[in-house]
Amino acid sequence: MSTAIAAAPGDGIGIIVLVNADSKADSIINIVLKAAEKAFGSGVSSSSPPANQTTASRRSKLPRTAGVTPHADGDAPGVDLTGTYYNAGYGTCVLCSVHSTFPPCENVLDAFRSIDPSLSTSTDVFASWVTVLSTHLRFTYTNDSKYLISVGSIYPQGYGKNTTPFSTLFPFATAEFEVENEKVVGFGWNITGDDGDVKQSGSVEETSEVWFVKEA
């Protein structure tokens, strides 16, 4: 689902757009601008950038695709990222690699293999992430200790009469792992957005919107 909320409290006007589909930013912005134009009168859209330019500007700061080409094995960090991580608000997250043999990881990897036949050579890490809108997470290495997190649902048996496996994975956050004495102590994620490229001072835990501590 996609949602947009715009408000002008001083004028007593609010606009809420709910779309039962993903990747509809252009359409949502157009709807918001049209509604605002009707509410305030003509001229609203003329002072605002065209929807496609606004979306293009936002996307220029977002990861390009959930299917970012993984780096070669030698480029990925040499530390083991797999294991159990915990956040009081989000709960437990178990990260798995293609070499994991932990029973819960086998189910996760089977799901990803259904949509990615080349998984055996991947340096990504994977997790089950069951929410109303998702079933899995995929962490794709970008640089240093940073990863792109893609979230979405995987349908290994397809859906309905179409039995072709597919997923709705899309990039939604960046993750950075904190390493001390060559061991991972946790990772933090920040939702991608207009401030995604701004470097903040402080530790990974201090500058992350969500911090997961490694438990095992």
N, C-alpha and C. Protein backbone atom coordinates (compact mmCIF):
# COMPACT_ATOMS: atom_id res chain seq x y z
N MET A 1 0.83 -1.19 0.00
CA MET A 1 0.00 0.00 0.00
C MET A 1 0.86 1.25 0.00
N SER A 2 0.32 2.33 -0.52
CA SER A 2 1.01 3.61 -0.54
C SER A 2 0.10 4.65 0.09
N THR A 3 0.69 5.51 0.89
CA THR A 3 -0.08 6.51 1.62
C THR A 3 0.60 7.86 1.55
N ALA A 4 -0.21 8.92 1.46
CA ALA A 4 0.32 10.27 1.51
C ALA A 4 -0.63 11.12 2.34
N ILE A 5 -0.05 11.97 3.19
CA ILE A 5 -0.84 12.89 4.01
C ILE A 5 -0.29 14.29 3.83
N ALA A 6 -1.14 15.22 3.46
CA ALA A 6 -0.76 16.62 3.33
C ALA A 6 -1.73 17.44 4.15
N ALA A 7 -1.22 18.48 4.83
CA ALA A 7 -2.09 19.27 5.70
C ALA A 7 -1.70 20.74 5.67
N ALA A 8 -2.72 21.58 5.75
CA ALA A 8 -2.54 23.02 5.91
C ALA A 8 -3.39 23.41 7.11
N PRO A 9 -2.89 23.20 8.34
CA PRO A 9 -3.69 23.42 9.56
C PRO A 9 -4.27 24.83 9.65
N GLY A 10 -3.49 25.81 9.20
CA GLY A 10 -3.98 27.19 9.27
C GLY A 10 -5.21 27.43 8.44
N ASP A 11 -5.37 26.63 7.39
CA ASP A 11 -6.53 26.78 6.51
C ASP A 11 -7.60 25.73 6.80
N GLY A 12 -7.33 24.86 7.77
CA GLY A 12 -8.31 23.84 8.11
C GLY A 12 -8.49 22.80 7.04
N ILE A 13 -7.43 22.50 6.30
CA ILE A 13 -7.53 21.56 5.18
C ILE A 13 -6.52 20.43 5.36
N GLY A 14 -6.95 19.22 5.14
CA GLY A 14 -6.07 18.06 5.16
C GLY A 14 -6.40 17.14 4.00
N ILE A 15 -5.38 16.52 3.44
CA ILE A 15 -5.57 15.62 2.30
C ILE A 15 -4.89 14.29 2.63
N ILE A 16 -5.65 13.22 2.54
CA ILE A 16 -5.12 11.88 2.78
C ILE A 16 -5.40 11.03 1.55
N VAL A 17 -4.35 10.40 1.02
CA VAL A 17 -4.49 9.55 -0.15
C VAL A 17 -4.04 8.14 0.22
N LEU A 18 -4.91 7.17 0.02
CA LEU A 18 -4.59 5.77 0.27
C LEU A 18 -4.71 5.01 -1.04
N VAL A 19 -3.65 4.31 -1.42
CA VAL A 19 -3.65 3.54 -2.67
C VAL A 19 -3.28 2.10 -2.35
N ASN A 20 -4.08 1.18 -2.77
CA ASN A 20 -3.84 -0.24 -2.50
C ASN A 20 -2.89 -0.82 -3.55
N ALA A 21 -1.70 -0.21 -3.64
CA ALA A 21 -0.68 -0.65 -4.59
C ALA A 21 0.64 -0.02 -4.20
N ASP A 22 1.73 -0.61 -4.66
CA ASP A 22 3.06 -0.10 -4.35
C ASP A 22 3.61 0.69 -5.53
N SER A 23 4.61 1.53 -5.27
CA SER A 23 5.32 2.29 -6.31
C SER A 23 4.37 3.17 -7.12
N LYS A 24 3.51 3.89 -6.42
CA LYS A 24 2.56 4.78 -7.07
C LYS A 24 2.79 6.24 -6.67
N ALA A 25 4.07 6.59 -6.43
CA ALA A 25 4.39 7.93 -5.96
C ALA A 25 3.92 9.01 -6.93
N ASP A 26 4.15 8.81 -8.23
CA ASP A 26 3.74 9.80 -9.22
C ASP A 26 2.24 10.04 -9.16
N SER A 27 1.47 8.98 -9.14
CA SER A 27 0.02 9.09 -9.12
C SER A 27 -0.47 9.76 -7.83
N ILE A 28 0.14 9.38 -6.70
CA ILE A 28 -0.27 9.96 -5.43
C ILE A 28 -0.01 11.46 -5.40
N ILE A 29 1.16 11.87 -5.86
CA ILE A 29 1.49 13.30 -5.87
C ILE A 29 0.53 14.07 -6.76
N ASN A 30 0.20 13.50 -7.90
CA ASN A 30 -0.76 14.15 -8.80
C ASN A 30 -2.12 14.31 -8.13
N ILE A 31 -2.55 13.28 -7.42
CA ILE A 31 -3.84 13.34 -6.73
C ILE A 31 -3.82 14.43 -5.65
N VAL A 32 -2.73 14.46 -4.86
CA VAL A 32 -2.60 15.47 -3.81
C VAL A 32 -2.64 16.88 -4.39
N LEU A 33 -1.90 17.09 -5.49
CA LEU A 33 -1.86 18.42 -6.11
C LEU A 33 -3.22 18.81 -6.68
N LYS A 34 -3.91 17.85 -7.28
CA LYS A 34 -5.23 18.14 -7.83
C LYS A 34 -6.21 18.49 -6.71
N ALA A 35 -6.16 17.74 -5.61
CA ALA A 35 -7.05 18.01 -4.48
C ALA A 35 -6.73 19.37 -3.87
N ALA A 36 -5.44 19.67 -3.76
CA ALA A 36 -5.04 20.97 -3.20
C ALA A 36 -5.49 22.11 -4.11
N GLU A 37 -5.40 21.89 -5.41
CA GLU A 37 -5.82 22.92 -6.36
C GLU A 37 -7.31 23.21 -6.23
N LYS A 38 -8.10 22.16 -6.02
CA LYS A 38 -9.54 22.35 -5.86
C LYS A 38 -9.85 23.04 -4.54
N ALA A 39 -9.06 22.70 -3.50
CA ALA A 39 -9.31 23.27 -2.18
C ALA A 39 -8.89 24.73 -2.08
N PHE A 40 -7.76 25.06 -2.68
CA PHE A 40 -7.22 26.41 -2.56
C PHE A 40 -7.50 27.29 -3.77
N GLY A 41 -7.93 26.65 -4.86
CA GLY A 41 -8.12 27.40 -6.09
C GLY A 41 -6.94 27.17 -7.01
N SER A 42 -7.00 27.74 -8.20
CA SER A 42 -5.93 27.53 -9.19
C SER A 42 -4.63 28.15 -8.73
N GLY A 43 -3.55 27.64 -9.29
CA GLY A 43 -2.23 28.23 -9.02
C GLY A 43 -1.39 27.40 -8.08
N VAL A 44 -1.98 26.40 -7.41
CA VAL A 44 -1.21 25.59 -6.48
C VAL A 44 -0.12 24.83 -7.20
N SER A 45 -0.50 24.17 -8.30
CA SER A 45 0.46 23.34 -8.99
C SER A 45 1.54 24.15 -9.68
N SER A 46 1.22 25.41 -10.01
CA SER A 46 2.22 26.22 -10.70
C SER A 46 3.38 26.59 -9.81
N SER A 47 3.14 26.66 -8.49
CA SER A 47 4.22 27.01 -7.57
C SER A 47 4.95 25.79 -7.06
N SER A 48 4.44 24.60 -7.42
CA SER A 48 5.07 23.36 -7.00
C SER A 48 5.71 22.70 -8.20
N PRO A 49 6.81 21.97 -8.00
CA PRO A 49 7.44 21.27 -9.13
C PRO A 49 6.51 20.20 -9.65
N PRO A 50 6.59 19.89 -10.96
CA PRO A 50 5.77 18.82 -11.51
C PRO A 50 5.98 17.53 -10.74
N ALA A 51 4.94 16.71 -10.69
CA ALA A 51 5.01 15.48 -9.89
C ALA A 51 6.18 14.61 -10.30
N ASN A 52 6.43 14.50 -11.62
CA ASN A 52 7.50 13.61 -12.06
C ASN A 52 8.85 14.13 -11.63
N GLN A 53 9.02 15.48 -11.56
CA GLN A 53 10.29 16.04 -11.11
C GLN A 53 10.47 15.84 -9.63
N THR A 54 9.36 16.01 -8.86
CA THR A 54 9.44 15.80 -7.42
C THR A 54 9.83 14.37 -7.10
N THR A 55 9.19 13.43 -7.77
CA THR A 55 9.48 12.03 -7.53
C THR A 55 10.89 11.68 -7.99
N ALA A 56 11.31 12.23 -9.12
CA ALA A 56 12.65 11.95 -9.62
C ALA A 56 13.70 12.44 -8.65
N SER A 57 13.44 13.64 -8.04
CA SER A 57 14.39 14.18 -7.08
C SER A 57 14.49 13.27 -5.87
N ARG A 58 13.32 12.79 -5.38
CA ARG A 58 13.34 11.91 -4.23
C ARG A 58 14.05 10.62 -4.55
N ARG A 59 13.74 10.06 -5.70
CA ARG A 59 14.33 8.77 -6.05
C ARG A 59 15.81 8.86 -6.32
N SER A 60 16.30 10.03 -6.67
CA SER A 60 17.74 10.16 -6.93
C SER A 60 18.54 9.89 -5.67
N LYS A 61 17.89 10.01 -4.50
CA LYS A 61 18.58 9.77 -3.24
C LYS A 61 18.26 8.40 -2.67
N LEU A 62 17.42 7.65 -3.37
CA LEU A 62 17.07 6.31 -2.93
C LEU A 62 17.90 5.28 -3.66
N PRO A 63 18.09 4.10 -3.07
CA PRO A 63 18.73 3.03 -3.81
C PRO A 63 17.92 2.76 -5.07
N ARG A 64 18.59 2.44 -6.17
CA ARG A 64 17.92 2.33 -7.47
C ARG A 64 16.92 1.19 -7.55
N THR A 65 17.24 0.06 -6.93
CA THR A 65 16.36 -1.09 -7.09
C THR A 65 16.60 -2.08 -5.98
N ALA A 66 15.58 -2.87 -5.72
CA ALA A 66 15.73 -3.91 -4.70
C ALA A 66 16.71 -4.97 -5.16
N GLY A 67 16.90 -5.09 -6.46
CA GLY A 67 17.80 -6.10 -7.00
C GLY A 67 19.18 -5.54 -7.28
N VAL A 68 19.75 -4.81 -6.35
CA VAL A 68 21.09 -4.24 -6.54
C VAL A 68 22.07 -5.37 -6.80
N THR A 69 22.93 -5.19 -7.79
CA THR A 69 23.89 -6.23 -8.15
C THR A 69 24.86 -6.46 -7.00
N PRO A 70 24.90 -7.65 -6.42
CA PRO A 70 25.80 -7.91 -5.31
C PRO A 70 27.26 -7.77 -5.74
N HIS A 71 28.09 -7.32 -4.80
CA HIS A 71 29.51 -7.25 -5.08
C HIS A 71 30.10 -8.66 -5.05
N ALA A 72 31.29 -8.77 -5.57
CA ALA A 72 31.96 -10.07 -5.53
C ALA A 72 32.21 -10.47 -4.09
N ASP A 73 32.34 -11.77 -3.84
CA ASP A 73 32.52 -12.25 -2.47
C ASP A 73 33.66 -11.55 -1.76
N GLY A 74 34.74 -11.24 -2.48
CA GLY A 74 35.89 -10.62 -1.85
C GLY A 74 35.65 -9.20 -1.40
N ASP A 75 34.60 -8.56 -1.91
CA ASP A 75 34.33 -7.17 -1.55
C ASP A 75 33.52 -7.04 -0.27
N ALA A 76 32.78 -8.07 0.08
CA ALA A 76 31.92 -8.00 1.25
C ALA A 76 32.76 -8.05 2.52
N PRO A 77 32.25 -7.48 3.61
CA PRO A 77 32.99 -7.51 4.87
C PRO A 77 33.34 -8.93 5.29
N GLY A 78 34.49 -9.09 5.92
CA GLY A 78 34.96 -10.41 6.29
C GLY A 78 34.38 -10.92 7.59
N VAL A 79 33.51 -10.14 8.24
CA VAL A 79 32.93 -10.58 9.52
C VAL A 79 31.64 -11.34 9.26
N ASP A 80 31.28 -12.19 10.21
CA ASP A 80 30.06 -12.99 10.10
C ASP A 80 28.87 -12.16 10.60
N LEU A 81 27.94 -11.86 9.72
CA LEU A 81 26.78 -11.04 10.08
C LEU A 81 25.61 -11.88 10.55
N THR A 82 25.67 -13.18 10.34
CA THR A 82 24.52 -14.02 10.68
C THR A 82 24.35 -14.12 12.19
N GLY A 83 23.12 -14.41 12.59
CA GLY A 83 22.85 -14.56 14.01
C GLY A 83 21.53 -13.91 14.40
N THR A 84 21.30 -13.87 15.70
CA THR A 84 20.06 -13.34 16.24
C THR A 84 20.25 -11.91 16.75
N TYR A 85 19.40 -11.02 16.28
CA TYR A 85 19.44 -9.61 16.67
C TYR A 85 18.11 -9.25 17.33
N TYR A 86 18.16 -8.25 18.24
CA TYR A 86 16.95 -7.91 18.97
C TYR A 86 16.79 -6.41 19.13
N ASN A 87 15.54 -5.95 18.97
CA ASN A 87 15.15 -4.58 19.26
C ASN A 87 13.86 -4.65 20.07
N ALA A 88 13.77 -3.86 21.14
CA ALA A 88 12.62 -3.95 22.04
C ALA A 88 11.31 -3.66 21.33
N GLY A 89 11.34 -2.77 20.35
CA GLY A 89 10.11 -2.41 19.65
C GLY A 89 9.78 -3.32 18.48
N TYR A 90 10.80 -3.81 17.79
CA TYR A 90 10.59 -4.61 16.59
C TYR A 90 10.71 -6.11 16.83
N GLY A 91 11.28 -6.49 17.95
CA GLY A 91 11.41 -7.91 18.25
C GLY A 91 12.69 -8.52 17.73
N THR A 92 12.65 -9.82 17.45
CA THR A 92 13.83 -10.59 17.07
C THR A 92 13.94 -10.72 15.56
N CYS A 93 15.17 -10.60 15.09
CA CYS A 93 15.46 -10.76 13.66
C CYS A 93 16.64 -11.71 13.52
N VAL A 94 16.45 -12.82 12.84
CA VAL A 94 17.53 -13.80 12.63
C VAL A 94 18.06 -13.64 11.21
N LEU A 95 19.33 -13.25 11.09
CA LEU A 95 19.95 -13.06 9.78
C LEU A 95 20.63 -14.35 9.34
N CYS A 96 20.40 -14.71 8.09
CA CYS A 96 20.93 -15.96 7.54
C CYS A 96 21.76 -15.66 6.29
N SER A 97 22.79 -16.47 6.07
CA SER A 97 23.54 -16.41 4.82
C SER A 97 23.25 -17.68 4.03
N VAL A 98 23.76 -17.75 2.82
CA VAL A 98 23.50 -18.94 2.00
C VAL A 98 24.18 -20.18 2.60
N HIS A 99 25.07 -19.98 3.56
CA HIS A 99 25.77 -21.10 4.18
C HIS A 99 25.13 -21.52 5.51
N SER A 100 24.08 -20.83 5.94
CA SER A 100 23.45 -21.13 7.22
C SER A 100 22.73 -22.47 7.17
N THR A 101 22.84 -23.24 8.26
CA THR A 101 22.17 -24.54 8.35
C THR A 101 21.16 -24.56 9.50
N PHE A 102 21.02 -23.44 10.21
CA PHE A 102 20.05 -23.31 11.28
C PHE A 102 18.66 -23.55 10.71
N PRO A 103 17.84 -24.46 11.29
CA PRO A 103 16.54 -24.82 10.69
C PRO A 103 15.68 -23.64 10.23
N PRO A 104 15.49 -22.56 11.05
CA PRO A 104 14.68 -21.44 10.56
C PRO A 104 15.27 -20.80 9.30
N CYS A 105 16.60 -20.83 9.18
CA CYS A 105 17.25 -20.25 8.00
C CYS A 105 16.97 -21.07 6.75
N GLU A 106 16.82 -22.38 6.92
CA GLU A 106 16.55 -23.22 5.75
C GLU A 106 15.24 -22.82 5.08
N ASN A 107 14.23 -22.50 5.88
CA ASN A 107 12.95 -22.07 5.33
C ASN A 107 13.08 -20.72 4.63
N VAL A 108 13.85 -19.82 5.25
CA VAL A 108 14.06 -18.50 4.66
C VAL A 108 14.78 -18.63 3.32
N LEU A 109 15.83 -19.42 3.30
CA LEU A 109 16.62 -19.58 2.07
C LEU A 109 15.82 -20.27 0.98
N ASP A 110 14.99 -21.23 1.36
CA ASP A 110 14.14 -21.90 0.36
C ASP A 110 13.21 -20.89 -0.31
N ALA A 111 12.69 -19.96 0.47
CA ALA A 111 11.80 -18.95 -0.10
C ALA A 111 12.55 -18.08 -1.10
N PHE A 112 13.75 -17.67 -0.75
CA PHE A 112 14.52 -16.81 -1.65
C PHE A 112 15.02 -17.58 -2.88
N ARG A 113 15.32 -18.85 -2.71
CA ARG A 113 15.76 -19.65 -3.87
C ARG A 113 14.64 -19.77 -4.91
N SER A 114 13.40 -19.72 -4.45
CA SER A 114 12.29 -19.84 -5.39
C SER A 114 12.22 -18.68 -6.36
N ILE A 115 12.77 -17.51 -5.97
CA ILE A 115 12.73 -16.34 -6.84
C ILE A 115 14.10 -15.94 -7.37
N ASP A 116 15.16 -16.59 -6.84
CA ASP A 116 16.52 -16.23 -7.24
C ASP A 116 17.37 -17.50 -7.38
N PRO A 117 17.42 -18.08 -8.57
CA PRO A 117 18.19 -19.32 -8.78
C PRO A 117 19.69 -19.17 -8.52
N SER A 118 20.20 -17.94 -8.57
CA SER A 118 21.64 -17.72 -8.38
C SER A 118 22.01 -17.48 -6.92
N LEU A 119 21.12 -17.81 -6.02
CA LEU A 119 21.32 -17.48 -4.61
C LEU A 119 22.57 -18.11 -4.02
N SER A 120 23.00 -19.24 -4.53
CA SER A 120 24.12 -19.97 -3.94
C SER A 120 25.42 -19.18 -3.93
N THR A 121 25.55 -18.17 -4.80
CA THR A 121 26.78 -17.38 -4.87
C THR A 121 26.61 -16.00 -4.26
N SER A 122 25.47 -15.75 -3.64
CA SER A 122 25.18 -14.42 -3.10
C SER A 122 25.90 -14.16 -1.78
N THR A 123 26.33 -12.92 -1.58
CA THR A 123 26.92 -12.50 -0.30
C THR A 123 25.89 -11.77 0.56
N ASP A 124 24.63 -11.74 0.11
CA ASP A 124 23.57 -11.09 0.87
C ASP A 124 23.26 -11.87 2.15
N VAL A 125 22.54 -11.23 3.05
CA VAL A 125 21.99 -11.92 4.21
C VAL A 125 20.48 -11.76 4.16
N PHE A 126 19.77 -12.72 4.76
CA PHE A 126 18.32 -12.82 4.59
C PHE A 126 17.64 -13.05 5.94
N ALA A 127 16.37 -12.68 6.01
CA ALA A 127 15.64 -12.88 7.26
C ALA A 127 14.15 -13.01 7.00
N SER A 128 13.50 -13.73 7.90
CA SER A 128 12.04 -13.74 7.92
C SER A 128 11.59 -12.47 8.63
N TRP A 129 10.59 -11.81 8.07
CA TRP A 129 10.10 -10.56 8.66
C TRP A 129 8.59 -10.48 8.40
N VAL A 130 7.85 -11.18 9.26
CA VAL A 130 6.42 -11.33 9.03
C VAL A 130 5.65 -10.16 9.63
N THR A 131 5.08 -9.33 8.77
CA THR A 131 4.21 -8.23 9.19
C THR A 131 2.97 -8.26 8.29
N VAL A 132 2.12 -7.28 8.45
CA VAL A 132 0.93 -7.20 7.60
C VAL A 132 1.32 -7.06 6.13
N LEU A 133 2.45 -6.40 5.87
CA LEU A 133 2.83 -6.09 4.49
C LEU A 133 4.07 -6.84 4.01
N SER A 134 4.62 -7.74 4.81
CA SER A 134 5.87 -8.40 4.38
C SER A 134 6.01 -9.78 4.99
N THR A 135 6.94 -10.54 4.38
CA THR A 135 7.31 -11.85 4.94
C THR A 135 8.82 -11.97 5.11
N HIS A 136 9.60 -11.16 4.36
CA HIS A 136 11.06 -11.34 4.36
C HIS A 136 11.82 -10.02 4.21
N LEU A 137 13.09 -10.08 4.60
CA LEU A 137 14.05 -9.00 4.39
C LEU A 137 15.25 -9.54 3.63
N ARG A 138 15.87 -8.68 2.82
CA ARG A 138 17.11 -9.04 2.14
C ARG A 138 18.09 -7.89 2.31
N PHE A 139 19.30 -8.20 2.79
CA PHE A 139 20.35 -7.19 2.99
C PHE A 139 21.38 -7.36 1.87
N THR A 140 21.54 -6.35 1.04
CA THR A 140 22.49 -6.41 -0.07
C THR A 140 23.64 -5.46 0.19
N TYR A 141 24.85 -5.99 0.13
CA TYR A 141 26.05 -5.19 0.43
C TYR A 141 26.22 -4.05 -0.56
N THR A 142 26.55 -2.87 -0.01
CA THR A 142 26.81 -1.70 -0.86
C THR A 142 28.26 -1.25 -0.72
N ASN A 143 28.66 -0.83 0.48
CA ASN A 143 30.05 -0.43 0.72
C ASN A 143 30.33 -0.40 2.21
N ASP A 144 31.63 -0.46 2.54
CA ASP A 144 32.06 -0.45 3.94
C ASP A 144 31.25 -1.49 4.73
N SER A 145 30.56 -1.04 5.79
CA SER A 145 29.74 -1.96 6.57
C SER A 145 28.26 -1.68 6.33
N LYS A 146 27.94 -1.11 5.19
CA LYS A 146 26.57 -0.71 4.88
C LYS A 146 25.89 -1.68 3.92
N TYR A 147 24.60 -1.84 4.13
CA TYR A 147 23.78 -2.72 3.31
C TYR A 147 22.46 -2.01 2.95
N LEU A 148 21.92 -2.40 1.82
CA LEU A 148 20.59 -1.97 1.42
C LEU A 148 19.59 -3.01 1.88
N ILE A 149 18.56 -2.60 2.61
CA ILE A 149 17.53 -3.53 3.06
C ILE A 149 16.34 -3.46 2.12
N SER A 150 15.97 -4.61 1.58
CA SER A 150 14.75 -4.71 0.79
C SER A 150 13.73 -5.50 1.59
N VAL A 151 12.49 -5.04 1.58
CA VAL A 151 11.43 -5.68 2.35
C VAL A 151 10.26 -6.00 1.43
N GLY A 152 9.53 -7.04 1.76
CA GLY A 152 8.37 -7.39 0.95
C GLY A 152 7.95 -8.83 1.22
N SER A 153 7.03 -9.30 0.43
CA SER A 153 6.52 -10.66 0.59
C SER A 153 7.01 -11.55 -0.55
N ILE A 154 7.27 -12.80 -0.21
CA ILE A 154 7.67 -13.80 -1.21
C ILE A 154 6.56 -14.83 -1.31
N TYR A 155 6.21 -15.16 -2.54
CA TYR A 155 5.18 -16.17 -2.81
C TYR A 155 5.82 -17.33 -3.57
N PRO A 156 6.40 -18.29 -2.85
CA PRO A 156 7.11 -19.41 -3.50
C PRO A 156 6.23 -20.24 -4.42
N GLN A 157 4.93 -20.32 -4.11
CA GLN A 157 4.01 -21.09 -4.94
C GLN A 157 3.14 -20.19 -5.83
N GLY A 158 3.56 -18.95 -5.96
CA GLY A 158 2.75 -18.02 -6.73
C GLY A 158 1.51 -17.61 -5.96
N TYR A 159 0.50 -17.17 -6.69
CA TYR A 159 -0.74 -16.74 -6.04
C TYR A 159 -1.92 -17.10 -6.94
N GLY A 160 -2.92 -17.73 -6.34
CA GLY A 160 -4.08 -18.12 -7.12
C GLY A 160 -3.73 -19.17 -8.16
N LYS A 161 -4.26 -18.99 -9.36
CA LYS A 161 -4.02 -19.95 -10.43
C LYS A 161 -2.62 -19.82 -11.02
N ASN A 162 -1.97 -18.68 -10.81
CA ASN A 162 -0.62 -18.49 -11.31
C ASN A 162 0.37 -19.04 -10.28
N THR A 163 1.01 -20.14 -10.59
CA THR A 163 1.91 -20.80 -9.63
C THR A 163 3.37 -20.39 -9.80
N THR A 164 3.62 -19.35 -10.57
CA THR A 164 4.99 -18.86 -10.76
C THR A 164 5.44 -18.10 -9.51
N PRO A 165 6.58 -18.48 -8.91
CA PRO A 165 7.06 -17.77 -7.72
C PRO A 165 7.34 -16.30 -8.04
N PHE A 166 7.04 -15.42 -7.09
CA PHE A 166 7.34 -14.00 -7.27
C PHE A 166 7.45 -13.34 -5.91
N SER A 167 7.93 -12.10 -5.91
CA SER A 167 8.05 -11.35 -4.66
C SER A 167 7.66 -9.90 -4.88
N THR A 168 7.43 -9.21 -3.78
CA THR A 168 7.15 -7.77 -3.82
C THR A 168 8.26 -6.98 -3.14
N LEU A 169 9.46 -7.55 -3.08
CA LEU A 169 10.58 -6.90 -2.39
C LEU A 169 10.91 -5.55 -3.02
N PHE A 170 11.15 -4.56 -2.18
CA PHE A 170 11.55 -3.24 -2.65
C PHE A 170 12.47 -2.61 -1.60
N PRO A 171 13.37 -1.69 -2.00
CA PRO A 171 14.30 -1.08 -1.05
C PRO A 171 13.58 -0.08 -0.16
N PHE A 172 13.82 -0.18 1.16
CA PHE A 172 13.15 0.75 2.04
C PHE A 172 14.07 1.35 3.10
N ALA A 173 15.26 0.79 3.28
CA ALA A 173 16.14 1.31 4.33
C ALA A 173 17.58 0.93 4.04
N THR A 174 18.49 1.62 4.71
CA THR A 174 19.90 1.25 4.67
C THR A 174 20.31 0.78 6.06
N ALA A 175 21.17 -0.21 6.11
CA ALA A 175 21.62 -0.76 7.38
C ALA A 175 23.13 -0.60 7.48
N GLU A 176 23.59 -0.34 8.69
CA GLU A 176 25.03 -0.29 8.95
C GLU A 176 25.33 -1.16 10.17
N PHE A 177 26.31 -2.03 10.02
CA PHE A 177 26.67 -2.94 11.10
C PHE A 177 27.81 -2.35 11.92
N GLU A 178 27.69 -2.47 13.23
CA GLU A 178 28.73 -2.00 14.16
C GLU A 178 29.62 -3.18 14.50
N VAL A 179 30.93 -3.03 14.23
CA VAL A 179 31.88 -4.11 14.46
C VAL A 179 32.90 -3.68 15.50
N GLU A 180 33.10 -4.51 16.51
CA GLU A 180 34.10 -4.26 17.55
C GLU A 180 34.93 -5.53 17.72
N ASN A 181 36.25 -5.38 17.64
CA ASN A 181 37.16 -6.52 17.78
C ASN A 181 36.81 -7.64 16.80
N GLU A 182 36.50 -7.21 15.57
CA GLU A 182 36.19 -8.14 14.47
C GLU A 182 34.92 -8.95 14.71
N LYS A 183 34.06 -8.48 15.61
CA LYS A 183 32.79 -9.13 15.85
C LYS A 183 31.66 -8.11 15.76
N VAL A 184 30.55 -8.54 15.19
CA VAL A 184 29.39 -7.65 15.05
C VAL A 184 28.68 -7.54 16.39
N VAL A 185 28.40 -6.30 16.83
CA VAL A 185 27.68 -6.10 18.08
C VAL A 185 26.24 -5.66 17.83
N GLY A 186 25.94 -5.31 16.58
CA GLY A 186 24.58 -4.92 16.25
C GLY A 186 24.52 -4.20 14.92
N PHE A 187 23.32 -3.82 14.52
CA PHE A 187 23.20 -3.01 13.32
C PHE A 187 22.06 -2.00 13.50
N GLY A 188 22.18 -0.90 12.80
CA GLY A 188 21.14 0.11 12.82
C GLY A 188 20.61 0.33 11.43
N TRP A 189 19.32 0.69 11.33
CA TRP A 189 18.80 1.01 10.01
C TRP A 189 18.19 2.40 10.01
N ASN A 190 18.23 3.00 8.85
CA ASN A 190 17.61 4.29 8.62
C ASN A 190 16.75 4.19 7.37
N ILE A 191 15.51 4.64 7.48
CA ILE A 191 14.61 4.61 6.34
C ILE A 191 15.14 5.55 5.28
N THR A 192 15.19 5.08 4.03
CA THR A 192 15.69 5.92 2.95
C THR A 192 14.74 7.07 2.71
N GLY A 193 15.30 8.23 2.37
CA GLY A 193 14.50 9.43 2.14
C GLY A 193 15.37 10.60 1.76
N ASP A 194 14.79 11.80 1.85
CA ASP A 194 15.50 12.99 1.39
C ASP A 194 16.78 13.26 2.16
N ASP A 195 16.87 12.78 3.43
CA ASP A 195 18.07 13.02 4.23
C ASP A 195 18.96 11.79 4.28
N GLY A 196 18.73 10.85 3.37
CA GLY A 196 19.46 9.59 3.42
C GLY A 196 20.95 9.73 3.20
N ASP A 197 21.39 10.81 2.51
CA ASP A 197 22.81 10.97 2.23
C ASP A 197 23.51 11.86 3.26
N VAL A 198 22.76 12.38 4.26
CA VAL A 198 23.36 13.27 5.24
C VAL A 198 24.12 12.45 6.27
N LYS A 199 25.40 12.78 6.46
CA LYS A 199 26.24 12.05 7.41
C LYS A 199 26.10 12.70 8.78
N GLN A 200 25.66 11.91 9.78
CA GLN A 200 25.50 12.40 11.12
C GLN A 200 26.66 11.92 11.97
N SER A 201 27.02 12.74 12.97
CA SER A 201 28.12 12.37 13.85
C SER A 201 27.60 11.49 14.98
N GLY A 202 28.44 10.58 15.43
CA GLY A 202 28.07 9.68 16.50
C GLY A 202 28.22 8.23 16.07
N SER A 203 27.98 7.32 16.99
CA SER A 203 28.10 5.90 16.70
C SER A 203 26.92 5.44 15.85
N VAL A 204 27.03 4.22 15.33
CA VAL A 204 25.94 3.67 14.53
C VAL A 204 24.66 3.61 15.36
N GLU A 205 24.78 3.19 16.60
CA GLU A 205 23.60 3.11 17.47
C GLU A 205 22.98 4.49 17.69
N GLU A 206 23.81 5.51 17.86
CA GLU A 206 23.31 6.86 18.13
C GLU A 206 22.66 7.52 16.92
N THR A 207 23.09 7.14 15.72
CA THR A 207 22.60 7.83 14.52
C THR A 207 21.57 7.00 13.74
N SER A 208 21.18 5.86 14.29
CA SER A 208 20.21 5.01 13.59
C SER A 208 18.80 5.24 14.11
N GLU A 209 17.84 5.14 13.21
CA GLU A 209 16.44 5.25 13.62
C GLU A 209 16.02 4.02 14.42
N VAL A 210 16.55 2.86 14.05
CA VAL A 210 16.26 1.62 14.75
C VAL A 210 17.58 0.89 14.99
N TRP A 211 17.80 0.41 16.21
CA TRP A 211 19.05 -0.27 16.55
C TRP A 211 18.73 -1.69 17.04
N PHE A 212 19.39 -2.67 16.41
CA PHE A 212 19.26 -4.07 16.80
C PHE A 212 20.58 -4.51 17.42
N VAL A 213 20.52 -5.05 18.63
CA VAL A 213 21.72 -5.55 19.28
C VAL A 213 21.85 -7.03 18.96
N LYS A 214 23.07 -7.49 18.72
CA LYS A 214 23.31 -8.90 18.39
C LYS A 214 23.33 -9.70 19.69
N GLU A 215 22.48 -10.71 19.73
CA GLU A 215 22.38 -11.54 20.94
C GLU A 215 23.13 -12.85 20.81
N ALA A 216 23.20 -13.40 19.60
CA ALA A 216 23.87 -14.70 19.41
C ALA A 216 24.28 -14.86 17.97
